[in-house]
């Protein structure tokens, strides 16, 4: 997809995409819809602002470090810990939806790089038995651990 360097929005939803999807070369990509595929690993570039990748088999996400705020929707995947999203994905996040994954322990310190931006954290329907890490999220409006 290298020739599409000016592409800002990409909709790949409801296809049959498997394994690793590397979109780091799309340097202008701001919005990605990857819902309803079979992707296991995802790599995106620094300009990503909105990532919709629900209903996949994602166990790892890599985001090149960018300066903008991010909204990340990864419901119904195979994520087991917050570290499955690399540091670039966990920094400057405004909305993080990880419901219906396989998370059992939440270490809020792993979201410290979003302490001044995180407004919504959805961890519904996981297998959470332990929440640790003391971080003050100055803008947090919604925290769902049900």
C-alpha atoms as a PDB file:
ATOM      1  CA  UNK A   1       0.000   0.000   0.000  1.00  0.00           C
ATOM      2  CA  UNK A   2       3.080   2.213  -0.176  1.00  0.00           C
ATOM      3  CA  UNK A   3       1.848   4.277  -3.177  1.00  0.00           C
ATOM      4  CA  UNK A   4      -1.021   5.650  -1.070  1.00  0.00           C
ATOM      5  CA  UNK A   5       1.048   8.008   1.064  1.00  0.00           C
ATOM      6  CA  UNK A   6      -1.666  10.728   1.106  1.00  0.00           C
ATOM      7  CA  UNK A   7      -4.449   8.343   2.180  1.00  0.00           C
ATOM      8  CA  UNK A   8      -6.180   9.620   5.338  1.00  0.00           C
ATOM      9  CA  UNK A   9      -9.102   7.180   5.691  1.00  0.00           C
ATOM     10  CA  UNK A  10      -9.022   3.465   4.946  1.00  0.00           C
ATOM     11  CA  UNK A  11     -11.993   1.118   5.324  1.00  0.00           C
ATOM     12  CA  UNK A  12     -11.064  -2.568   5.208  1.00  0.00           C
ATOM     13  CA  UNK A  13     -13.988  -3.777   7.319  1.00  0.00           C
ATOM     14  CA  UNK A  14     -15.799  -7.072   6.797  1.00  0.00           C
ATOM     15  CA  UNK A  15     -13.187  -8.756   4.650  1.00  0.00           C
ATOM     16  CA  UNK A  16     -11.101 -11.881   5.152  1.00  0.00           C
ATOM     17  CA  UNK A  17      -7.786 -10.302   6.167  1.00  0.00           C
ATOM     18  CA  UNK A  18      -5.543 -12.663   8.158  1.00  0.00           C
ATOM     19  CA  UNK A  19      -2.380 -12.623  10.260  1.00  0.00           C
ATOM     20  CA  UNK A  20      -0.270  -9.430  10.293  1.00  0.00           C
ATOM     21  CA  UNK A  21      -1.397  -6.197   8.674  1.00  0.00           C
ATOM     22  CA  UNK A  22       1.398  -3.631   8.333  1.00  0.00           C
ATOM     23  CA  UNK A  23       0.117  -0.158   7.442  1.00  0.00           C
ATOM     24  CA  UNK A  24       3.060   1.844   8.820  1.00  0.00           C
ATOM     25  CA  UNK A  25       3.957   3.061   5.318  1.00  0.00           C
ATOM     26  CA  UNK A  26       0.645   4.951   5.124  1.00  0.00           C
ATOM     27  CA  UNK A  27       2.151   8.026   6.721  1.00  0.00           C
ATOM     28  CA  UNK A  28      -0.991  10.199   6.444  1.00  0.00           C
ATOM     29  CA  UNK A  29      -3.517   7.587   7.621  1.00  0.00           C
ATOM     30  CA  UNK A  30      -5.715   9.124  10.323  1.00  0.00           C
ATOM     31  CA  UNK A  31      -8.716   6.769  10.397  1.00  0.00           C
ATOM     32  CA  UNK A  32      -8.691   3.002   9.929  1.00  0.00           C
ATOM     33  CA  UNK A  33     -11.736   0.718   9.979  1.00  0.00           C
ATOM     34  CA  UNK A  34     -10.611  -2.884  10.202  1.00  0.00           C
ATOM     35  CA  UNK A  35     -13.670  -4.295  11.986  1.00  0.00           C
ATOM     36  CA  UNK A  36     -14.780  -7.863  11.278  1.00  0.00           C
ATOM     37  CA  UNK A  37     -11.660  -9.537   9.906  1.00  0.00           C
ATOM     38  CA  UNK A  38      -9.220 -12.185  11.166  1.00  0.00           C
ATOM     39  CA  UNK A  39      -6.150 -10.013  11.747  1.00  0.00           C
ATOM     40  CA  UNK A  40      -3.801 -11.145  14.538  1.00  0.00           C
ATOM     41  CA  UNK A  41      -1.239  -8.344  14.585  1.00  0.00           C
ATOM     42  CA  UNK A  42      -1.609  -4.730  13.468  1.00  0.00           C
ATOM     43  CA  UNK A  43       1.016  -2.059  12.793  1.00  0.00           C
ATOM     44  CA  UNK A  44      -0.027   1.551  12.114  1.00  0.00           C
ATOM     45  CA  UNK A  45       1.863   4.795  11.586  1.00  0.00           C
ATOM     46  CA  UNK A  46       2.209   7.935  13.720  1.00  0.00           C
ATOM     47  CA  UNK A  47      -0.677   9.875  12.169  1.00  0.00           C
ATOM     48  CA  UNK A  48      -3.384   7.430  13.320  1.00  0.00           C
ATOM     49  CA  UNK A  49      -6.146   9.150  15.302  1.00  0.00           C
ATOM     50  CA  UNK A  50      -9.051   6.693  15.120  1.00  0.00           C
ATOM     51  CA  UNK A  51      -8.605   2.944  14.972  1.00  0.00           C
ATOM     52  CA  UNK A  52     -11.618   0.643  14.673  1.00  0.00           C
ATOM     53  CA  UNK A  53     -10.485  -2.983  14.780  1.00  0.00           C
ATOM     54  CA  UNK A  54     -13.205  -4.825  16.696  1.00  0.00           C
ATOM     55  CA  UNK A  55     -14.069  -8.452  15.993  1.00  0.00           C
ATOM     56  CA  UNK A  56     -10.670  -9.725  14.890  1.00  0.00           C
ATOM     57  CA  UNK A  57      -8.107 -12.052  16.467  1.00  0.00           C
ATOM     58  CA  UNK A  58      -5.721  -9.253  17.429  1.00  0.00           C
ATOM     59  CA  UNK A  59      -3.228 -10.060  20.156  1.00  0.00           C
ATOM     60  CA  UNK A  60      -0.715  -7.270  19.441  1.00  0.00           C
ATOM     61  CA  UNK A  61      -0.938  -3.686  18.140  1.00  0.00           C
ATOM     62  CA  UNK A  62       1.967  -1.405  17.297  1.00  0.00           C
ATOM     63  CA  UNK A  63       1.544   2.347  16.783  1.00  0.00           C
ATOM     64  CA  UNK A  64       4.452   4.520  15.724  1.00  0.00           C
ATOM     65  CA  UNK A  65       4.702   7.407  18.152  1.00  0.00           C
ATOM     66  CA  UNK A  66       2.601  10.362  17.124  1.00  0.00           C
ATOM     67  CA  UNK A  67       1.706  13.638  18.781  1.00  0.00           C
ATOM     68  CA  UNK A  68      -2.079  13.554  18.341  1.00  0.00           C
ATOM     69  CA  UNK A  69      -4.717  12.059  20.603  1.00  0.00           C
ATOM     70  CA  UNK A  70      -5.995   8.600  19.727  1.00  0.00           C
ATOM     71  CA  UNK A  71      -9.325   6.792  19.901  1.00  0.00           C
ATOM     72  CA  UNK A  72      -8.811   3.025  19.836  1.00  0.00           C
ATOM     73  CA  UNK A  73     -11.624   0.477  19.537  1.00  0.00           C
ATOM     74  CA  UNK A  74     -10.413  -3.117  19.917  1.00  0.00           C
ATOM     75  CA  UNK A  75     -13.460  -4.920  21.312  1.00  0.00           C
ATOM     76  CA  UNK A  76     -13.722  -8.692  20.893  1.00  0.00           C
ATOM     77  CA  UNK A  77     -10.104  -9.591  20.194  1.00  0.00           C
ATOM     78  CA  UNK A  78      -7.375 -11.681  21.872  1.00  0.00           C
ATOM     79  CA  UNK A  79      -5.653  -9.013  23.955  1.00  0.00           C
ATOM     80  CA  UNK A  80      -4.494 -10.358  27.333  1.00  0.00           C
ATOM     81  CA  UNK A  81      -2.720  -7.353  28.920  1.00  0.00           C
ATOM     82  CA  UNK A  82      -2.488  -3.629  28.221  1.00  0.00           C
ATOM     83  CA  UNK A  83       1.124  -4.171  27.088  1.00  0.00           C
ATOM     84  CA  UNK A  84      -0.250  -6.008  24.042  1.00  0.00           C
ATOM     85  CA  UNK A  85      -0.686  -2.456  22.774  1.00  0.00           C
ATOM     86  CA  UNK A  86       2.820  -1.064  22.431  1.00  0.00           C
ATOM     87  CA  UNK A  87       3.897   2.151  24.115  1.00  0.00           C
ATOM     88  CA  UNK A  88       2.974   4.233  21.064  1.00  0.00           C
ATOM     89  CA  UNK A  89      -0.607   2.935  21.220  1.00  0.00           C
ATOM     90  CA  UNK A  90      -0.852   3.538  24.963  1.00  0.00           C
ATOM     91  CA  UNK A  91       0.299   7.169  24.816  1.00  0.00           C
ATOM     92  CA  UNK A  92      -2.045  10.129  24.276  1.00  0.00           C
ATOM     93  CA  UNK A  93      -5.129   7.879  24.169  1.00  0.00           C
ATOM     94  CA  UNK A  94      -8.452   9.631  24.656  1.00  0.00           C
ATOM     95  CA  UNK A  95     -10.833   6.664  24.232  1.00  0.00           C
ATOM     96  CA  UNK A  96      -9.777   3.048  24.719  1.00  0.00           C
ATOM     97  CA  UNK A  97     -12.278   0.234  24.201  1.00  0.00           C
ATOM     98  CA  UNK A  98     -10.946  -3.211  25.103  1.00  0.00           C
ATOM     99  CA  UNK A  99     -14.203  -4.923  26.037  1.00  0.00           C
ATOM    100  CA  UNK A 100     -14.650  -8.625  25.280  1.00  0.00           C
ATOM    101  CA  UNK A 101     -10.955  -9.499  25.278  1.00  0.00           C
ATOM    102  CA  UNK A 102      -8.976 -11.904  27.469  1.00  0.00           C
ATOM    103  CA  UNK A 103      -7.561  -9.456  30.016  1.00  0.00           C
ATOM    104  CA  UNK A 104      -7.218 -10.771  33.569  1.00  0.00           C
ATOM    105  CA  UNK A 105      -4.858  -8.258  35.210  1.00  0.00           C
ATOM    106  CA  UNK A 106      -4.998  -4.509  34.629  1.00  0.00           C
ATOM    107  CA  UNK A 107      -1.963  -2.410  35.485  1.00  0.00           C
ATOM    108  CA  UNK A 108      -3.113   1.187  35.133  1.00  0.00           C
ATOM    109  CA  UNK A 109       0.517   2.336  35.275  1.00  0.00           C
ATOM    110  CA  UNK A 110       0.824   0.992  31.725  1.00  0.00           C
ATOM    111  CA  UNK A 111      -1.501   3.835  30.669  1.00  0.00           C
ATOM    112  CA  UNK A 112       0.502   6.533  32.463  1.00  0.00           C
ATOM    113  CA  UNK A 113       1.476   8.115  29.125  1.00  0.00           C
ATOM    114  CA  UNK A 114      -2.239   8.899  28.702  1.00  0.00           C
ATOM    115  CA  UNK A 115      -2.784  10.302  32.195  1.00  0.00           C
ATOM    116  CA  UNK A 116      -3.562  13.763  30.815  1.00  0.00           C
ATOM    117  CA  UNK A 117      -5.698  12.632  27.833  1.00  0.00           C
ATOM    118  CA  UNK A 118      -7.652   9.471  28.766  1.00  0.00           C
ATOM    119  CA  UNK A 119     -11.386  10.169  29.087  1.00  0.00           C
ATOM    120  CA  UNK A 120     -12.980   6.742  28.531  1.00  0.00           C
ATOM    121  CA  UNK A 121     -11.644   3.281  29.380  1.00  0.00           C
ATOM    122  CA  UNK A 122     -13.924   0.326  28.628  1.00  0.00           C
ATOM    123  CA  UNK A 123     -12.794  -3.074  29.898  1.00  0.00           C
ATOM    124  CA  UNK A 124     -16.222  -4.732  30.113  1.00  0.00           C
ATOM    125  CA  UNK A 125     -16.585  -8.494  29.796  1.00  0.00           C
ATOM    126  CA  UNK A 126     -12.987  -9.498  30.418  1.00  0.00           C
ATOM    127  CA  UNK A 127     -11.675 -11.906  33.048  1.00  0.00           C
ATOM    128  CA  UNK A 128     -10.288  -9.230  35.365  1.00  0.00           C
ATOM    129  CA  UNK A 129      -9.341 -10.380  38.845  1.00  0.00           C
ATOM    130  CA  UNK A 130      -6.690  -7.766  39.698  1.00  0.00           C
ATOM    131  CA  UNK A 131      -6.389  -4.018  39.116  1.00  0.00           C
ATOM    132  CA  UNK A 132      -3.157  -2.344  40.160  1.00  0.00           C
ATOM    133  CA  UNK A 133      -1.052   0.716  39.472  1.00  0.00           C
ATOM    134  CA  UNK A 134      -1.810   4.108  40.916  1.00  0.00           C
ATOM    135  CA  UNK A 135      -2.219   6.725  38.234  1.00  0.00           C
ATOM    136  CA  UNK A 136      -4.318   9.873  38.301  1.00  0.00           C
ATOM    137  CA  UNK A 137      -6.223  10.267  35.051  1.00  0.00           C
ATOM    138  CA  UNK A 138      -7.108  13.955  35.190  1.00  0.00           C
ATOM    139  CA  UNK A 139      -9.784  13.810  32.468  1.00  0.00           C
ATOM    140  CA  UNK A 140     -11.233  10.324  33.032  1.00  0.00           C
ATOM    141  CA  UNK A 141     -15.032  10.405  32.712  1.00  0.00           C
ATOM    142  CA  UNK A 142     -15.853   6.714  32.215  1.00  0.00           C
ATOM    143  CA  UNK A 143     -14.200   3.606  33.637  1.00  0.00           C
ATOM    144  CA  UNK A 144     -16.063   0.340  33.044  1.00  0.00           C
ATOM    145  CA  UNK A 145     -14.624  -2.825  34.577  1.00  0.00           C
ATOM    146  CA  UNK A 146     -17.898  -4.781  34.720  1.00  0.00           C
END
